[in-house]
Amino acid sequence: MTARTGSRDLEAWLAAVEAGEQSGLRSLAAGIRNDMQAVTTASPCSGNSGRVEGTVNKIKMIKRQMYGRAGFDLLRKRVILHPALPRSQNSRQSRIT
C-alpha cells in the first residue's frame, strides 16, 4: 500500500489475506479492519520523524557515555554543546551566529 493508491490496495490485500489459509495474517487483517479508521488516517501522512529520532539517539549515546560520571548539570551541558546536534537545537551555537 502506498500513499497514492491508499485504501484501494489495502482493501484488496485484506480480502486476499482473509481468503487465504495463513491464520497469523488473517488475525492481522482482522485487527486492521477493527481499527480501519486509524490505519487509513495514519497511512498518507508524509511526515518523517527521522531527524527527531536521530537527535534522541545522540542524546541517549551521550547519556550512556556519562553513566556514573557526573550529575544532570554536566549531562545537560554535554547535550547542549554536542557538535553533532542540529544547529537549531544547539542553543549556544545559534546564539553565537
PDB file of N, CA and C in Angstrom:
ATOM      1  N   MET A   1       0.846  -1.178   0.000  1.00  0.00           N
ATOM      2  CA  MET A   1       0.000   0.000   0.000  1.00  0.00           C
ATOM      3  C   MET A   1       0.886   1.233   0.000  1.00  0.00           C
ATOM      4  N   THR A   2       0.601   2.143  -0.886  1.00  0.00           N
ATOM      5  CA  THR A   2       1.351   3.393  -0.932  1.00  0.00           C
ATOM      6  C   THR A   2       0.405   4.551  -0.732  1.00  0.00           C
ATOM      7  N   ALA A   3       0.955   5.740  -0.579  1.00  0.00           N
ATOM      8  CA  ALA A   3       0.121   6.921  -0.354  1.00  0.00           C
ATOM      9  C   ALA A   3      -0.731   7.230  -1.577  1.00  0.00           C
ATOM     10  N   ARG A   4      -0.244   6.869  -2.772  1.00  0.00           N
ATOM     11  CA  ARG A   4      -1.007   7.182  -3.988  1.00  0.00           C
ATOM     12  C   ARG A   4      -2.224   6.291  -4.161  1.00  0.00           C
ATOM     13  N   THR A   5      -2.094   5.026  -3.835  1.00  0.00           N
ATOM     14  CA  THR A   5      -3.227   4.122  -4.048  1.00  0.00           C
ATOM     15  C   THR A   5      -4.087   3.987  -2.808  1.00  0.00           C
ATOM     16  N   GLY A   6      -3.524   4.253  -1.653  1.00  0.00           N
ATOM     17  CA  GLY A   6      -4.292   4.336  -0.421  1.00  0.00           C
ATOM     18  C   GLY A   6      -5.066   3.099  -0.059  1.00  0.00           C
ATOM     19  N   SER A   7      -6.314   3.307   0.324  1.00  0.00           N
ATOM     20  CA  SER A   7      -7.117   2.225   0.880  1.00  0.00           C
ATOM     21  C   SER A   7      -7.591   1.231  -0.171  1.00  0.00           C
ATOM     22  N   ARG A   8      -7.503   1.568  -1.477  1.00  0.00           N
ATOM     23  CA  ARG A   8      -7.917   0.594  -2.505  1.00  0.00           C
ATOM     24  C   ARG A   8      -7.042  -0.653  -2.437  1.00  0.00           C
ATOM     25  N   ASP A   9      -5.723  -0.450  -2.375  1.00  0.00           N
ATOM     26  CA  ASP A   9      -4.822  -1.600  -2.280  1.00  0.00           C
ATOM     27  C   ASP A   9      -4.965  -2.298  -0.941  1.00  0.00           C
ATOM     28  N   LEU A  10      -5.221  -1.543   0.097  1.00  0.00           N
ATOM     29  CA  LEU A  10      -5.402  -2.140   1.411  1.00  0.00           C
ATOM     30  C   LEU A  10      -6.617  -3.058   1.414  1.00  0.00           C
ATOM     31  N   GLU A  11      -7.700  -2.602   0.848  1.00  0.00           N
ATOM     32  CA  GLU A  11      -8.909  -3.436   0.789  1.00  0.00           C
ATOM     33  C   GLU A  11      -8.663  -4.713   0.006  1.00  0.00           C
ATOM     34  N   ALA A  12      -7.973  -4.602  -1.126  1.00  0.00           N
ATOM     35  CA  ALA A  12      -7.681  -5.789  -1.928  1.00  0.00           C
ATOM     36  C   ALA A  12      -6.773  -6.749  -1.160  1.00  0.00           C
ATOM     37  N   TRP A  13      -5.785  -6.202  -0.466  1.00  0.00           N
ATOM     38  CA  TRP A  13      -4.873  -7.044   0.308  1.00  0.00           C
ATOM     39  C   TRP A  13      -5.611  -7.727   1.450  1.00  0.00           C
ATOM     40  N   LEU A  14      -6.468  -6.983   2.154  1.00  0.00           N
ATOM     41  CA  LEU A  14      -7.236  -7.567   3.264  1.00  0.00           C
ATOM     42  C   LEU A  14      -8.140  -8.693   2.766  1.00  0.00           C
ATOM     43  N   ALA A  15      -8.792  -8.471   1.619  1.00  0.00           N
ATOM     44  CA  ALA A  15      -9.670  -9.513   1.067  1.00  0.00           C
ATOM     45  C   ALA A  15      -8.867 -10.752   0.693  1.00  0.00           C
ATOM     46  N   ALA A  16      -7.687 -10.555   0.111  1.00  0.00           N
ATOM     47  CA  ALA A  16      -6.856 -11.697  -0.278  1.00  0.00           C
ATOM     48  C   ALA A  16      -6.356 -12.456   0.950  1.00  0.00           C
ATOM     49  N   VAL A  17      -5.991 -11.748   1.975  1.00  0.00           N
ATOM     50  CA  VAL A  17      -5.484 -12.394   3.192  1.00  0.00           C
ATOM     51  C   VAL A  17      -6.606 -13.145   3.901  1.00  0.00           C
ATOM     52  N   GLU A  18      -7.783 -12.541   3.963  1.00  0.00           N
ATOM     53  CA  GLU A  18      -8.907 -13.203   4.632  1.00  0.00           C
ATOM     54  C   GLU A  18      -9.335 -14.461   3.890  1.00  0.00           C
ATOM     55  N   ALA A  19      -9.113 -14.498   2.576  1.00  0.00           N
ATOM     56  CA  ALA A  19      -9.448 -15.695   1.801  1.00  0.00           C
ATOM     57  C   ALA A  19      -8.343 -16.743   1.885  1.00  0.00           C
ATOM     58  N   GLY A  20      -7.175 -16.344   2.323  1.00  0.00           N
ATOM     59  CA  GLY A  20      -6.033 -17.255   2.404  1.00  0.00           C
ATOM     60  C   GLY A  20      -6.115 -18.193   3.585  1.00  0.00           C
ATOM     61  N   GLU A  21      -5.061 -18.999   3.730  1.00  0.00           N
ATOM     62  CA  GLU A  21      -5.053 -20.035   4.752  1.00  0.00           C
ATOM     63  C   GLU A  21      -4.104 -19.751   5.910  1.00  0.00           C
ATOM     64  N   GLN A  22      -3.447 -18.619   5.921  1.00  0.00           N
ATOM     65  CA  GLN A  22      -2.499 -18.323   6.989  1.00  0.00           C
ATOM     66  C   GLN A  22      -3.223 -17.621   8.136  1.00  0.00           C
ATOM     67  N   SER A  23      -3.315 -18.320   9.257  1.00  0.00           N
ATOM     68  CA  SER A  23      -4.098 -17.797  10.375  1.00  0.00           C
ATOM     69  C   SER A  23      -3.471 -16.541  10.975  1.00  0.00           C
ATOM     70  N   GLY A  24      -2.151 -16.442  10.969  1.00  0.00           N
ATOM     71  CA  GLY A  24      -1.485 -15.258  11.510  1.00  0.00           C
ATOM     72  C   GLY A  24      -1.828 -14.008  10.719  1.00  0.00           C
ATOM     73  N   LEU A  25      -1.824 -14.127   9.411  1.00  0.00           N
ATOM     74  CA  LEU A  25      -2.176 -12.981   8.568  1.00  0.00           C
ATOM     75  C   LEU A  25      -3.660 -12.658   8.665  1.00  0.00           C
ATOM     76  N   ARG A  26      -4.490 -13.693   8.802  1.00  0.00           N
ATOM     77  CA  ARG A  26      -5.925 -13.430   8.973  1.00  0.00           C
ATOM     78  C   ARG A  26      -6.180 -12.662  10.255  1.00  0.00           C
ATOM     79  N   SER A  27      -5.441 -12.992  11.312  1.00  0.00           N
ATOM     80  CA  SER A  27      -5.567 -12.269  12.573  1.00  0.00           C
ATOM     81  C   SER A  27      -5.121 -10.819  12.414  1.00  0.00           C
ATOM     82  N   LEU A  28      -4.031 -10.599  11.688  1.00  0.00           N
ATOM     83  CA  LEU A  28      -3.569  -9.240  11.418  1.00  0.00           C
ATOM     84  C   LEU A  28      -4.617  -8.457  10.634  1.00  0.00           C
ATOM     85  N   ALA A  29      -5.183  -9.088   9.616  1.00  0.00           N
ATOM     86  CA  ALA A  29      -6.210  -8.431   8.801  1.00  0.00           C
ATOM     87  C   ALA A  29      -7.432  -8.074   9.644  1.00  0.00           C
ATOM     88  N   ALA A  30      -7.818  -8.954  10.550  1.00  0.00           N
ATOM     89  CA  ALA A  30      -8.959  -8.665  11.427  1.00  0.00           C
ATOM     90  C   ALA A  30      -8.652  -7.473  12.329  1.00  0.00           C
ATOM     91  N   GLY A  31      -7.422  -7.401  12.831  1.00  0.00           N
ATOM     92  CA  GLY A  31      -7.030  -6.264  13.658  1.00  0.00           C
ATOM     93  C   GLY A  31      -7.036  -4.962  12.880  1.00  0.00           C
ATOM     94  N   ILE A  32      -6.574  -5.024  11.637  1.00  0.00           N
ATOM     95  CA  ILE A  32      -6.588  -3.820  10.795  1.00  0.00           C
ATOM     96  C   ILE A  32      -8.026  -3.398  10.522  1.00  0.00           C
ATOM     97  N   ARG A  33      -8.876  -4.350  10.231  1.00  0.00           N
ATOM     98  CA  ARG A  33     -10.291  -4.000   9.974  1.00  0.00           C
ATOM     99  C   ARG A  33     -10.949  -3.391  11.213  1.00  0.00           C
ATOM    100  N   ASN A  34     -10.596  -3.885  12.406  1.00  0.00           N
ATOM    101  CA  ASN A  34     -11.174  -3.334  13.635  1.00  0.00           C
ATOM    102  C   ASN A  34     -10.771  -1.883  13.849  1.00  0.00           C
ATOM    103  N   ASP A  35      -9.599  -1.520  13.380  1.00  0.00           N
ATOM    104  CA  ASP A  35      -9.111  -0.156  13.580  1.00  0.00           C
ATOM    105  C   ASP A  35      -8.848   0.523  12.242  1.00  0.00           C
ATOM    106  N   MET A  36      -9.747   0.297  11.292  1.00  0.00           N
ATOM    107  CA  MET A  36      -9.565   0.786   9.924  1.00  0.00           C
ATOM    108  C   MET A  36      -9.447   2.307   9.846  1.00  0.00           C
ATOM    109  N   GLN A  37     -10.197   3.029  10.645  1.00  0.00           N
ATOM    110  CA  GLN A  37     -10.146   4.488  10.582  1.00  0.00           C
ATOM    111  C   GLN A  37      -8.748   4.999  10.941  1.00  0.00           C
ATOM    112  N   ALA A  38      -8.156   4.455  11.976  1.00  0.00           N
ATOM    113  CA  ALA A  38      -6.814   4.884  12.377  1.00  0.00           C
ATOM    114  C   ALA A  38      -5.778   4.506  11.323  1.00  0.00           C
ATOM    115  N   VAL A  39      -5.921   3.340  10.724  1.00  0.00           N
ATOM    116  CA  VAL A  39      -4.959   2.891   9.710  1.00  0.00           C
ATOM    117  C   VAL A  39      -5.018   3.788   8.480  1.00  0.00           C
ATOM    118  N   THR A  40      -6.204   4.079   7.990  1.00  0.00           N
ATOM    119  CA  THR A  40      -6.319   4.907   6.793  1.00  0.00           C
ATOM    120  C   THR A  40      -5.972   6.363   7.068  1.00  0.00           C
ATOM    121  N   THR A  41      -6.166   6.820   8.293  1.00  0.00           N
ATOM    122  CA  THR A  41      -5.795   8.194   8.639  1.00  0.00           C
ATOM    123  C   THR A  41      -4.287   8.333   8.738  1.00  0.00           C
ATOM    124  N   ALA A  42      -3.616   7.348   9.285  1.00  0.00           N
ATOM    125  CA  ALA A  42      -2.172   7.435   9.515  1.00  0.00           C
ATOM    126  C   ALA A  42      -1.356   7.143   8.271  1.00  0.00           C
ATOM    127  N   SER A  43      -1.858   6.344   7.358  1.00  0.00           N
ATOM    128  CA  SER A  43      -1.028   5.920   6.235  1.00  0.00           C
ATOM    129  C   SER A  43      -0.625   7.026   5.271  1.00  0.00           C
ATOM    130  N   PRO A  44      -1.452   7.998   4.929  1.00  0.00           N
ATOM    131  CA  PRO A  44      -0.982   9.000   3.963  1.00  0.00           C
ATOM    132  C   PRO A  44      -0.126  10.108   4.575  1.00  0.00           C
ATOM    133  N   CYS A  45       0.169  10.034   5.859  1.00  0.00           N
ATOM    134  CA  CYS A  45       0.986  11.069   6.490  1.00  0.00           C
ATOM    135  C   CYS A  45       2.359  11.101   5.845  1.00  0.00           C
ATOM    136  N   SER A  46       2.766  12.271   5.411  1.00  0.00           N
ATOM    137  CA  SER A  46       4.059  12.390   4.750  1.00  0.00           C
ATOM    138  C   SER A  46       5.149  12.796   5.722  1.00  0.00           C
ATOM    139  N   GLY A  47       4.801  12.992   6.978  1.00  0.00           N
ATOM    140  CA  GLY A  47       5.798  13.408   7.959  1.00  0.00           C
ATOM    141  C   GLY A  47       6.856  12.355   8.179  1.00  0.00           C
ATOM    142  N   ASN A  48       8.017  12.802   8.590  1.00  0.00           N
ATOM    143  CA  ASN A  48       9.122  11.902   8.829  1.00  0.00           C
ATOM    144  C   ASN A  48       9.746  12.272  10.167  1.00  0.00           C
ATOM    145  N   SER A  49       9.875  11.307  11.036  1.00  0.00           N
ATOM    146  CA  SER A  49      10.431  11.576  12.357  1.00  0.00           C
ATOM    147  C   SER A  49      11.910  11.238  12.428  1.00  0.00           C
ATOM    148  N   GLY A  50      12.561  11.095  11.284  1.00  0.00           N
ATOM    149  CA  GLY A  50      13.961  10.707  11.247  1.00  0.00           C
ATOM    150  C   GLY A  50      14.882  11.667  11.973  1.00  0.00           C
ATOM    151  N   ARG A  51      14.668  12.955  11.790  1.00  0.00           N
ATOM    152  CA  ARG A  51      15.533  13.947  12.436  1.00  0.00           C
ATOM    153  C   ARG A  51      15.379  13.889  13.956  1.00  0.00           C
ATOM    154  N   VAL A  52      14.144  13.766  14.413  1.00  0.00           N
ATOM    155  CA  VAL A  52      13.902  13.682  15.854  1.00  0.00           C
ATOM    156  C   VAL A  52      14.511  12.407  16.416  1.00  0.00           C
ATOM    157  N   GLU A  53      14.323  11.294  15.727  1.00  0.00           N
ATOM    158  CA  GLU A  53      14.870  10.016  16.193  1.00  0.00           C
ATOM    159  C   GLU A  53      16.391  10.062  16.241  1.00  0.00           C
ATOM    160  N   GLY A  54      17.015  10.721  15.266  1.00  0.00           N
ATOM    161  CA  GLY A  54      18.461  10.853  15.270  1.00  0.00           C
ATOM    162  C   GLY A  54      18.957  11.651  16.465  1.00  0.00           C
ATOM    163  N   THR A  55      18.253  12.738  16.774  1.00  0.00           N
ATOM    164  CA  THR A  55      18.623  13.565  17.922  1.00  0.00           C
ATOM    165  C   THR A  55      18.462  12.795  19.218  1.00  0.00           C
ATOM    166  N   VAL A  56      17.362  12.061  19.348  1.00  0.00           N
ATOM    167  CA  VAL A  56      17.133  11.256  20.547  1.00  0.00           C
ATOM    168  C   VAL A  56      18.228  10.200  20.682  1.00  0.00           C
ATOM    169  N   ASN A  57      18.612   9.589  19.568  1.00  0.00           N
ATOM    170  CA  ASN A  57      19.668   8.583  19.588  1.00  0.00           C
ATOM    171  C   ASN A  57      20.991   9.186  20.070  1.00  0.00           C
ATOM    172  N   LYS A  58      21.319  10.392  19.605  1.00  0.00           N
ATOM    173  CA  LYS A  58      22.557  11.048  20.041  1.00  0.00           C
ATOM    174  C   LYS A  58      22.516  11.378  21.527  1.00  0.00           C
ATOM    175  N   ILE A  59      21.375  11.838  22.007  1.00  0.00           N
ATOM    176  CA  ILE A  59      21.243  12.155  23.430  1.00  0.00           C
ATOM    177  C   ILE A  59      21.397  10.889  24.271  1.00  0.00           C
ATOM    178  N   LYS A  60      20.813   9.785  23.818  1.00  0.00           N
ATOM    179  CA  LYS A  60      20.941   8.528  24.551  1.00  0.00           C
ATOM    180  C   LYS A  60      22.387   8.047  24.563  1.00  0.00           C
ATOM    181  N   MET A  61      23.101   8.254  23.444  1.00  0.00           N
ATOM    182  CA  MET A  61      24.503   7.865  23.389  1.00  0.00           C
ATOM    183  C   MET A  61      25.321   8.663  24.411  1.00  0.00           C
ATOM    184  N   ILE A  62      25.090   9.963  24.469  1.00  0.00           N
ATOM    185  CA  ILE A  62      25.796  10.807  25.433  1.00  0.00           C
ATOM    186  C   ILE A  62      25.463  10.361  26.854  1.00  0.00           C
ATOM    187  N   LYS A  63      24.193  10.049  27.093  1.00  0.00           N
ATOM    188  CA  LYS A  63      23.774   9.607  28.418  1.00  0.00           C
ATOM    189  C   LYS A  63      24.477   8.311  28.817  1.00  0.00           C
ATOM    190  N   ARG A  64      24.604   7.372  27.875  1.00  0.00           N
ATOM    191  CA  ARG A  64      25.301   6.121  28.171  1.00  0.00           C
ATOM    192  C   ARG A  64      26.778   6.377  28.467  1.00  0.00           C
ATOM    193  N   GLN A  65      27.390   7.293  27.720  1.00  0.00           N
ATOM    194  CA  GLN A  65      28.798   7.621  27.963  1.00  0.00           C
ATOM    195  C   GLN A  65      28.991   8.248  29.341  1.00  0.00           C
ATOM    196  N   MET A  66      28.006   8.970  29.815  1.00  0.00           N
ATOM    197  CA  MET A  66      28.112   9.709  31.065  1.00  0.00           C
ATOM    198  C   MET A  66      27.716   8.869  32.282  1.00  0.00           C
ATOM    199  N   TYR A  67      27.250   7.648  32.075  1.00  0.00           N
ATOM    200  CA  TYR A  67      26.730   6.856  33.183  1.00  0.00           C
ATOM    201  C   TYR A  67      27.747   6.761  34.317  1.00  0.00           C
ATOM    202  N   GLY A  68      27.366   7.202  35.498  1.00  0.00           N
ATOM    203  CA  GLY A  68      28.181   7.096  36.687  1.00  0.00           C
ATOM    204  C   GLY A  68      29.260   8.153  36.828  1.00  0.00           C
ATOM    205  N   ARG A  69      29.382   9.072  35.887  1.00  0.00           N
ATOM    206  CA  ARG A  69      30.470  10.049  35.937  1.00  0.00           C
ATOM    207  C   ARG A  69      30.107  11.330  36.661  1.00  0.00           C
ATOM    208  N   ALA A  70      28.940  11.863  36.380  1.00  0.00           N
ATOM    209  CA  ALA A  70      28.587  13.157  36.961  1.00  0.00           C
ATOM    210  C   ALA A  70      27.077  13.287  37.011  1.00  0.00           C
ATOM    211  N   GLY A  71      26.632  14.425  37.473  1.00  0.00           N
ATOM    212  CA  GLY A  71      25.201  14.651  37.627  1.00  0.00           C
ATOM    213  C   GLY A  71      24.535  15.199  36.378  1.00  0.00           C
ATOM    214  N   PHE A  72      23.315  15.604  36.561  1.00  0.00           N
ATOM    215  CA  PHE A  72      22.498  16.088  35.465  1.00  0.00           C
ATOM    216  C   PHE A  72      23.057  17.369  34.837  1.00  0.00           C
ATOM    217  N   ASP A  73      23.661  18.236  35.636  1.00  0.00           N
ATOM    218  CA  ASP A  73      24.168  19.503  35.106  1.00  0.00           C
ATOM    219  C   ASP A  73      25.213  19.283  34.018  1.00  0.00           C
ATOM    220  N   LEU A  74      26.151  18.378  34.245  1.00  0.00           N
ATOM    221  CA  LEU A  74      27.172  18.103  33.234  1.00  0.00           C
ATOM    222  C   LEU A  74      26.563  17.420  32.021  1.00  0.00           C
ATOM    223  N   LEU A  75      25.638  16.504  32.236  1.00  0.00           N
ATOM    224  CA  LEU A  75      24.958  15.849  31.122  1.00  0.00           C
ATOM    225  C   LEU A  75      24.234  16.879  30.268  1.00  0.00           C
ATOM    226  N   ARG A  76      23.555  17.813  30.904  1.00  0.00           N
ATOM    227  CA  ARG A  76      22.828  18.866  30.187  1.00  0.00           C
ATOM    228  C   ARG A  76      23.790  19.686  29.329  1.00  0.00           C
ATOM    229  N   LYS A  77      24.937  20.064  29.897  1.00  0.00           N
ATOM    230  CA  LYS A  77      25.914  20.851  29.142  1.00  0.00           C
ATOM    231  C   LYS A  77      26.446  20.078  27.946  1.00  0.00           C
ATOM    232  N   ARG A  78      26.711  18.784  28.135  1.00  0.00           N
ATOM    233  CA  ARG A  78      27.226  17.982  27.022  1.00  0.00           C
ATOM    234  C   ARG A  78      26.205  17.842  25.911  1.00  0.00           C
ATOM    235  N   VAL A  79      24.927  17.707  26.266  1.00  0.00           N
ATOM    236  CA  VAL A  79      23.883  17.587  25.245  1.00  0.00           C
ATOM    237  C   VAL A  79      23.742  18.910  24.486  1.00  0.00           C
ATOM    238  N   ILE A  80      23.729  20.022  25.222  1.00  0.00           N
ATOM    239  CA  ILE A  80      23.556  21.324  24.575  1.00  0.00           C
ATOM    240  C   ILE A  80      24.734  21.658  23.676  1.00  0.00           C
ATOM    241  N   LEU A  81      25.940  21.324  24.109  1.00  0.00           N
ATOM    242  CA  LEU A  81      27.135  21.702  23.357  1.00  0.00           C
ATOM    243  C   LEU A  81      27.627  20.623  22.394  1.00  0.00           C
ATOM    244  N   HIS A  82      26.899  19.530  22.257  1.00  0.00           N
ATOM    245  CA  HIS A  82      27.336  18.437  21.389  1.00  0.00           C
ATOM    246  C   HIS A  82      27.390  18.914  19.944  1.00  0.00           C
ATOM    247  N   PRO A  83      28.529  18.733  19.251  1.00  0.00           N
ATOM    248  CA  PRO A  83      28.672  19.273  17.894  1.00  0.00           C
ATOM    249  C   PRO A  83      27.829  18.551  16.846  1.00  0.00           C
ATOM    250  N   ALA A  84      27.389  17.333  17.094  1.00  0.00           N
ATOM    251  CA  ALA A  84      26.630  16.586  16.095  1.00  0.00           C
ATOM    252  C   ALA A  84      25.149  16.930  16.097  1.00  0.00           C
ATOM    253  N   LEU A  85      24.687  17.656  17.105  1.00  0.00           N
ATOM    254  CA  LEU A  85      23.276  18.015  17.136  1.00  0.00           C
ATOM    255  C   LEU A  85      23.011  19.121  16.127  1.00  0.00           C
ATOM    256  N   PRO A  86      21.815  19.153  15.537  1.00  0.00           N
ATOM    257  CA  PRO A  86      21.479  20.197  14.570  1.00  0.00           C
ATOM    258  C   PRO A  86      21.625  21.592  15.168  1.00  0.00           C
ATOM    259  N   ARG A  87      21.971  22.542  14.347  1.00  0.00           N
ATOM    260  CA  ARG A  87      22.191  23.908  14.808  1.00  0.00           C
ATOM    261  C   ARG A  87      20.971  24.489  15.512  1.00  0.00           C
ATOM    262  N   SER A  88      19.776  24.179  15.029  1.00  0.00           N
ATOM    263  CA  SER A  88      18.577  24.749  15.638  1.00  0.00           C
ATOM    264  C   SER A  88      18.384  24.265  17.071  1.00  0.00           C
ATOM    265  N   GLN A  89      18.936  23.087  17.402  1.00  0.00           N
ATOM    266  CA  GLN A  89      18.781  22.564  18.743  1.00  0.00           C
ATOM    267  C   GLN A  89      19.977  22.881  19.620  1.00  0.00           C
ATOM    268  N   ASN A  90      21.071  23.299  19.024  1.00  0.00           N
ATOM    269  CA  ASN A  90      22.258  23.626  19.785  1.00  0.00           C
ATOM    270  C   ASN A  90      22.170  25.107  20.148  1.00  0.00           C
ATOM    271  N   SER A  91      21.574  25.407  21.294  1.00  0.00           N
ATOM    272  CA  SER A  91      21.207  26.762  21.649  1.00  0.00           C
ATOM    273  C   SER A  91      22.410  27.704  21.736  1.00  0.00           C
ATOM    274  N   ARG A  92      23.543  27.219  22.174  1.00  0.00           N
ATOM    275  CA  ARG A  92      24.702  28.100  22.308  1.00  0.00           C
ATOM    276  C   ARG A  92      25.220  28.531  20.937  1.00  0.00           C
ATOM    277  N   GLN A  93      25.314  27.603  19.987  1.00  0.00           N
ATOM    278  CA  GLN A  93      25.790  27.960  18.657  1.00  0.00           C
ATOM    279  C   GLN A  93      24.824  28.879  17.953  1.00  0.00           C
ATOM    280  N   SER A  94      23.511  28.676  18.119  1.00  0.00           N
ATOM    281  CA  SER A  94      22.550  29.522  17.432  1.00  0.00           C
ATOM    282  C   SER A  94      22.571  30.950  18.000  1.00  0.00           C
ATOM    283  N   ARG A  95      22.970  31.124  19.255  1.00  0.00           N
ATOM    284  CA  ARG A  95      23.098  32.476  19.824  1.00  0.00           C
ATOM    285  C   ARG A  95      24.379  33.156  19.334  1.00  0.00           C
ATOM    286  N   ILE A  96      25.417  32.373  19.059  1.00  0.00           N
ATOM    287  CA  ILE A  96      26.696  32.942  18.633  1.00  0.00           C
ATOM    288  C   ILE A  96      26.605  33.428  17.195  1.00  0.00           C
ATOM    289  N   THR A  97      25.978  32.643  16.333  1.00  0.00           N
ATOM    290  CA  THR A  97      25.931  33.016  14.911  1.00  0.00           C
ATOM    291  C   THR A  97      24.750  33.856  14.550  1.00  0.00           C
TER     292      THR A  97
END
